[in-house]
Amino acid sequence: MGKGWYWLSVFLGALFLIQYWLEFLLNLKSGNVAGYQNYWGVDVGIYLLLAVLLTITPTLFYFAWKYFPRPTKKITRDES
């Protein structure tokens, strides 16, 4: 993965996480435990959203660390 694609994916992932964390916090503050309705009109609770966020957030940090672009300098016999 190139540097540009890496930073774009980390930025977009962080942007979506910020959006959903804010949605969770605002619904929690207002006392709205139903949260929002999904595509089929079913209420999705904020505690289910919290469980997903607590799983996805560390996963994003792990993969951002694991796939961080590092320089690939090849060592030759003359340099060792």
Protein backbone atom coordinates (compact mmCIF):
# COMPACT_ATOMS: atom_id res chain seq x y z
CA MET A 1 0.00 0.00 0.00
CA GLY A 2 1.40 3.39 -0.93
CA LYS A 3 1.76 6.29 1.47
CA GLY A 4 -1.06 8.24 -0.14
CA TRP A 5 -3.56 5.38 0.08
CA TYR A 6 -2.48 4.62 3.63
CA TRP A 7 -3.04 8.17 4.88
CA LEU A 8 -6.32 8.47 2.96
CA SER A 9 -7.67 5.28 4.52
CA VAL A 10 -6.53 6.28 8.02
CA PHE A 11 -8.10 9.72 7.59
CA LEU A 12 -11.42 8.32 6.34
CA GLY A 13 -11.51 5.68 9.08
CA ALA A 14 -10.82 8.29 11.75
CA LEU A 15 -13.46 10.59 10.25
CA PHE A 16 -16.14 7.89 10.42
CA LEU A 17 -15.10 6.93 13.95
CA ILE A 18 -15.33 10.54 15.11
CA GLN A 19 -18.77 10.83 13.55
CA TYR A 20 -20.11 7.72 15.26
CA TRP A 21 -18.47 8.51 18.63
CA LEU A 22 -20.13 11.92 18.54
CA GLU A 23 -23.45 10.33 17.63
CA PHE A 24 -23.13 7.95 20.57
CA LEU A 25 -22.14 10.70 23.01
CA LEU A 26 -24.89 13.08 21.91
CA ASN A 27 -27.56 10.37 22.14
CA LEU A 28 -26.26 9.33 25.55
CA LYS A 29 -26.30 12.92 26.78
CA SER A 30 -29.86 13.49 25.55
CA GLY A 31 -31.04 10.19 27.08
CA ASN A 32 -32.11 8.76 23.73
CA VAL A 33 -31.30 5.06 24.17
CA ALA A 34 -33.05 4.10 20.92
CA GLY A 35 -30.35 5.99 19.04
CA TYR A 36 -31.49 5.91 15.46
CA GLN A 37 -33.38 3.76 12.97
CA ASN A 38 -31.57 1.60 10.47
CA TYR A 39 -32.51 1.06 6.83
CA TRP A 40 -35.40 -1.28 7.71
CA GLY A 41 -36.87 1.07 10.32
CA VAL A 42 -35.68 -0.89 13.34
CA ASP A 43 -34.39 1.06 16.32
CA VAL A 44 -30.68 0.61 16.95
CA GLY A 45 -29.68 1.23 20.53
CA ILE A 46 -26.70 3.28 21.56
CA TYR A 47 -25.31 0.42 23.63
CA LEU A 48 -25.01 -1.74 20.53
CA LEU A 49 -23.29 1.21 18.87
CA LEU A 50 -20.95 1.44 21.87
CA ALA A 51 -20.03 -2.25 21.56
CA VAL A 52 -19.23 -1.79 17.87
CA LEU A 53 -17.20 1.35 18.56
CA LEU A 54 -15.22 -0.33 21.34
CA THR A 55 -14.31 -3.07 18.87
CA ILE A 56 -13.61 -0.96 15.79
CA THR A 57 -11.58 1.83 17.44
CA PRO A 58 -8.70 -0.37 18.70
CA THR A 59 -8.82 -2.29 15.43
CA LEU A 60 -8.26 0.91 13.47
CA PHE A 61 -5.32 1.85 15.68
CA TYR A 62 -3.83 -1.65 15.37
CA PHE A 63 -4.02 -1.74 11.59
CA ALA A 64 -2.80 1.85 11.31
CA TRP A 65 0.27 0.85 13.34
CA LYS A 66 0.76 -2.48 11.54
CA TYR A 67 0.62 -1.06 8.01
CA PHE A 68 2.45 2.21 8.71
CA PRO A 69 4.63 2.87 5.65
CA ARG A 70 8.26 2.27 6.58
CA PRO A 71 11.26 2.99 4.39
CA THR A 72 12.45 -0.08 2.57
CA LYS A 73 16.20 0.30 2.38
CA LYS A 74 17.85 -2.85 1.14
CA ILE A 75 21.13 -3.80 2.80
CA THR A 76 23.84 -5.02 0.49
CA ARG A 77 26.99 -6.95 1.31
CA ASP A 78 29.08 -3.78 1.08
CA GLU A 79 27.07 -2.02 3.81
CA SER A 80 27.14 -4.81 6.38
